[in-house]
Amino acid sequence: MPHATGPFDVQLAPLPAYNQDEGAALFRMSIDKQFHGALEAVSRGEMLATRAGDAGGYVAIERVTGSLDGRAGSFVLQHSSTMDADGQEQHVQVAPGSGTGALAGLRGRMRIVIAGGAHRYEFDYTLPGD
């Protein structure tokens, strides 16, 4: 299975919040990323998150447009992650059927690594014919 890695830059910006009721607050953010390395691409998307003390979670959708190991096209990443005192669970995968151009048929999972304030991705993927 091909494995792509590299750094990425991310900018999050607040979007209008939902009306807040009792319980954990809901926050919306826009996502703008620039991927480098094997994935040379930009992405745009939206995140919906909640936080209650040291625990929380988020879901997000982002469209990635550029090239993956030299193949041009776009695809959608779907995120679902949680965190609490026991750790973090992260699921970031290619939305089925979202690949275009030379990335049509793309399937895969991405891991986001944050260390020392820097962001990196680890992306295991398959394409038809590989």
C-alpha atoms as a PDB file:
ATOM      1  CA  MET A   1       0.000   0.000   0.000  1.00  0.00           C
ATOM      2  CA  PRO A   2       1.492   3.396  -0.940  1.00  0.00           C
ATOM      3  CA  HIS A   3       2.395   5.634   1.998  1.00  0.00           C
ATOM      4  CA  ALA A   4       2.682   9.427   1.644  1.00  0.00           C
ATOM      5  CA  THR A   5       4.053  11.721   4.340  1.00  0.00           C
ATOM      6  CA  GLY A   6       4.893  15.360   4.733  1.00  0.00           C
ATOM      7  CA  PRO A   7       4.211  18.569   6.612  1.00  0.00           C
ATOM      8  CA  PHE A   8       1.188  20.796   6.265  1.00  0.00           C
ATOM      9  CA  ASP A   9       0.206  24.282   7.327  1.00  0.00           C
ATOM     10  CA  VAL A  10      -3.284  24.891   8.671  1.00  0.00           C
ATOM     11  CA  GLN A  11      -5.339  27.976   9.414  1.00  0.00           C
ATOM     12  CA  LEU A  12      -8.585  27.720  11.343  1.00  0.00           C
ATOM     13  CA  ALA A  13     -10.982  30.652  11.526  1.00  0.00           C
ATOM     14  CA  PRO A  14     -14.159  30.925  13.585  1.00  0.00           C
ATOM     15  CA  LEU A  15     -17.505  30.793  11.796  1.00  0.00           C
ATOM     16  CA  PRO A  16     -20.789  31.925  13.352  1.00  0.00           C
ATOM     17  CA  ALA A  17     -21.628  29.648  16.280  1.00  0.00           C
ATOM     18  CA  TYR A  18     -24.870  27.788  16.725  1.00  0.00           C
ATOM     19  CA  ASN A  19     -27.241  28.963  19.436  1.00  0.00           C
ATOM     20  CA  GLN A  20     -25.920  27.560  22.682  1.00  0.00           C
ATOM     21  CA  ASP A  21     -28.192  25.608  25.021  1.00  0.00           C
ATOM     22  CA  GLU A  22     -27.291  23.641  28.132  1.00  0.00           C
ATOM     23  CA  GLY A  23     -24.301  21.329  27.977  1.00  0.00           C
ATOM     24  CA  ALA A  24     -21.151  21.443  25.876  1.00  0.00           C
ATOM     25  CA  ALA A  25     -20.807  24.315  23.423  1.00  0.00           C
ATOM     26  CA  LEU A  26     -20.674  23.765  19.654  1.00  0.00           C
ATOM     27  CA  PHE A  27     -18.058  25.656  17.652  1.00  0.00           C
ATOM     28  CA  ARG A  28     -17.681  26.020  13.865  1.00  0.00           C
ATOM     29  CA  MET A  29     -14.378  26.720  12.111  1.00  0.00           C
ATOM     30  CA  SER A  30     -13.257  27.085   8.514  1.00  0.00           C
ATOM     31  CA  ILE A  31     -10.240  24.970   7.527  1.00  0.00           C
ATOM     32  CA  ASP A  32      -7.554  26.139   5.078  1.00  0.00           C
ATOM     33  CA  LYS A  33      -4.536  23.846   4.586  1.00  0.00           C
ATOM     34  CA  GLN A  34      -1.434  23.697   2.415  1.00  0.00           C
ATOM     35  CA  PHE A  35       0.042  20.176   2.140  1.00  0.00           C
ATOM     36  CA  HIS A  36       3.703  19.598   1.194  1.00  0.00           C
ATOM     37  CA  GLY A  37       5.730  16.529   0.301  1.00  0.00           C
ATOM     38  CA  ALA A  38       4.153  13.575  -1.481  1.00  0.00           C
ATOM     39  CA  LEU A  39       0.812  15.404  -1.264  1.00  0.00           C
ATOM     40  CA  GLU A  40       1.199  18.845  -2.856  1.00  0.00           C
ATOM     41  CA  ALA A  41      -2.251  20.307  -2.408  1.00  0.00           C
ATOM     42  CA  VAL A  42      -4.543  22.842  -0.810  1.00  0.00           C
ATOM     43  CA  SER A  43      -7.723  22.081   1.056  1.00  0.00           C
ATOM     44  CA  ARG A  44     -10.768  24.002   2.160  1.00  0.00           C
ATOM     45  CA  GLY A  45     -13.390  22.747   4.564  1.00  0.00           C
ATOM     46  CA  GLU A  46     -15.429  23.163   7.712  1.00  0.00           C
ATOM     47  CA  MET A  47     -15.195  21.755  11.229  1.00  0.00           C
ATOM     48  CA  LEU A  48     -17.871  21.363  13.903  1.00  0.00           C
ATOM     49  CA  ALA A  49     -16.391  20.864  17.368  1.00  0.00           C
ATOM     50  CA  THR A  50     -17.403  20.569  21.000  1.00  0.00           C
ATOM     51  CA  ARG A  51     -15.405  20.919  24.165  1.00  0.00           C
ATOM     52  CA  ALA A  52     -16.256  20.287  27.821  1.00  0.00           C
ATOM     53  CA  GLY A  53     -13.227  20.841  30.041  1.00  0.00           C
ATOM     54  CA  ASP A  54     -10.405  18.590  28.813  1.00  0.00           C
ATOM     55  CA  ALA A  55     -12.716  16.436  26.671  1.00  0.00           C
ATOM     56  CA  GLY A  56     -14.271  17.019  23.294  1.00  0.00           C
ATOM     57  CA  GLY A  57     -14.597  15.979  19.722  1.00  0.00           C
ATOM     58  CA  TYR A  58     -14.918  17.206  16.183  1.00  0.00           C
ATOM     59  CA  VAL A  59     -16.198  16.268  12.767  1.00  0.00           C
ATOM     60  CA  ALA A  60     -15.014  17.908   9.567  1.00  0.00           C
ATOM     61  CA  ILE A  61     -15.151  17.700   5.795  1.00  0.00           C
ATOM     62  CA  GLU A  62     -12.451  19.147   3.532  1.00  0.00           C
ATOM     63  CA  ARG A  63     -11.875  19.049  -0.233  1.00  0.00           C
ATOM     64  CA  VAL A  64      -8.206  18.467  -1.108  1.00  0.00           C
ATOM     65  CA  THR A  65      -7.064  19.656  -4.560  1.00  0.00           C
ATOM     66  CA  GLY A  66      -3.582  19.110  -6.011  1.00  0.00           C
ATOM     67  CA  SER A  67      -1.369  16.115  -6.670  1.00  0.00           C
ATOM     68  CA  LEU A  68      -0.601  12.920  -4.760  1.00  0.00           C
ATOM     69  CA  ASP A  69       2.681  11.307  -5.781  1.00  0.00           C
ATOM     70  CA  GLY A  70       2.429  13.183  -9.100  1.00  0.00           C
ATOM     71  CA  ARG A  71      -1.229  12.313  -9.839  1.00  0.00           C
ATOM     72  CA  ALA A  72      -3.445  15.399 -10.168  1.00  0.00           C
ATOM     73  CA  GLY A  73      -7.027  15.616  -8.974  1.00  0.00           C
ATOM     74  CA  SER A  74      -9.098  16.167  -5.871  1.00  0.00           C
ATOM     75  CA  PHE A  75     -10.738  14.169  -3.105  1.00  0.00           C
ATOM     76  CA  VAL A  76     -12.658  14.728   0.117  1.00  0.00           C
ATOM     77  CA  LEU A  77     -11.360  13.912   3.600  1.00  0.00           C
ATOM     78  CA  GLN A  78     -13.910  13.066   6.279  1.00  0.00           C
ATOM     79  CA  HIS A  79     -12.820  13.538   9.932  1.00  0.00           C
ATOM     80  CA  SER A  80     -14.269  12.209  13.197  1.00  0.00           C
ATOM     81  CA  SER A  81     -12.143  12.498  16.339  1.00  0.00           C
ATOM     82  CA  THR A  82     -12.544  12.505  20.115  1.00  0.00           C
ATOM     83  CA  MET A  83     -10.270  13.253  23.057  1.00  0.00           C
ATOM     84  CA  ASP A  84     -10.415  12.954  26.839  1.00  0.00           C
ATOM     85  CA  ALA A  85      -8.130  12.193  29.783  1.00  0.00           C
ATOM     86  CA  ASP A  86      -7.699   8.631  28.481  1.00  0.00           C
ATOM     87  CA  GLY A  87      -6.342   9.760  25.109  1.00  0.00           C
ATOM     88  CA  GLN A  88      -7.430  10.536  21.608  1.00  0.00           C
ATOM     89  CA  GLU A  89      -9.159   8.580  18.865  1.00  0.00           C
ATOM     90  CA  GLN A  90      -8.745   9.896  15.327  1.00  0.00           C
ATOM     91  CA  HIS A  91     -10.445   8.815  12.110  1.00  0.00           C
ATOM     92  CA  VAL A  92      -9.614  10.669   8.897  1.00  0.00           C
ATOM     93  CA  GLN A  93     -10.467   8.866   5.674  1.00  0.00           C
ATOM     94  CA  VAL A  94     -11.133   9.540   2.015  1.00  0.00           C
ATOM     95  CA  ALA A  95     -14.880   9.840   1.441  1.00  0.00           C
ATOM     96  CA  PRO A  96     -15.821   6.983  -0.923  1.00  0.00           C
ATOM     97  CA  GLY A  97     -16.305   8.037  -4.546  1.00  0.00           C
ATOM     98  CA  SER A  98     -14.892  11.540  -3.994  1.00  0.00           C
ATOM     99  CA  GLY A  99     -11.695  11.197  -6.073  1.00  0.00           C
ATOM    100  CA  THR A 100     -11.475  13.100  -9.377  1.00  0.00           C
ATOM    101  CA  GLY A 101      -8.997  13.230 -12.264  1.00  0.00           C
ATOM    102  CA  ALA A 102      -6.031  10.897 -11.785  1.00  0.00           C
ATOM    103  CA  LEU A 103      -7.243  10.358  -8.198  1.00  0.00           C
ATOM    104  CA  ALA A 104     -10.560   8.767  -9.229  1.00  0.00           C
ATOM    105  CA  GLY A 105     -11.123   5.636  -7.153  1.00  0.00           C
ATOM    106  CA  LEU A 106      -8.802   6.814  -4.355  1.00  0.00           C
ATOM    107  CA  ARG A 107      -9.269   5.105  -0.997  1.00  0.00           C
ATOM    108  CA  GLY A 108      -7.258   5.702   2.141  1.00  0.00           C
ATOM    109  CA  ARG A 109      -6.773   6.828   5.708  1.00  0.00           C
ATOM    110  CA  MET A 110      -4.776   9.784   6.953  1.00  0.00           C
ATOM    111  CA  ARG A 111      -3.177  10.250  10.348  1.00  0.00           C
ATOM    112  CA  ILE A 112      -2.509  13.776  11.590  1.00  0.00           C
ATOM    113  CA  VAL A 113       0.553  14.150  13.822  1.00  0.00           C
ATOM    114  CA  ILE A 114       1.113  17.322  15.850  1.00  0.00           C
ATOM    115  CA  ALA A 115       4.490  17.606  17.580  1.00  0.00           C
ATOM    116  CA  GLY A 116       6.364  20.688  18.721  1.00  0.00           C
ATOM    117  CA  GLY A 117       3.689  22.918  17.179  1.00  0.00           C
ATOM    118  CA  ALA A 118       4.253  21.429  13.698  1.00  0.00           C
ATOM    119  CA  HIS A 119       1.667  19.441  11.713  1.00  0.00           C
ATOM    120  CA  ARG A 120       2.454  16.358   9.633  1.00  0.00           C
ATOM    121  CA  TYR A 121       0.311  13.857   7.741  1.00  0.00           C
ATOM    122  CA  GLU A 122       0.784  10.115   7.224  1.00  0.00           C
ATOM    123  CA  PHE A 123      -1.445   8.880   4.408  1.00  0.00           C
ATOM    124  CA  ASP A 124      -1.932   5.229   3.459  1.00  0.00           C
ATOM    125  CA  TYR A 125      -3.874   4.954   0.218  1.00  0.00           C
ATOM    126  CA  THR A 126      -4.755   2.846  -2.784  1.00  0.00           C
ATOM    127  CA  LEU A 127      -5.675   3.741  -6.349  1.00  0.00           C
ATOM    128  CA  PRO A 128      -7.141   1.447  -8.998  1.00  0.00           C
ATOM    129  CA  GLY A 129      -4.356  -0.266 -10.907  1.00  0.00           C
ATOM    130  CA  ASP A 130      -1.725   0.096  -8.144  1.00  0.00           C
END
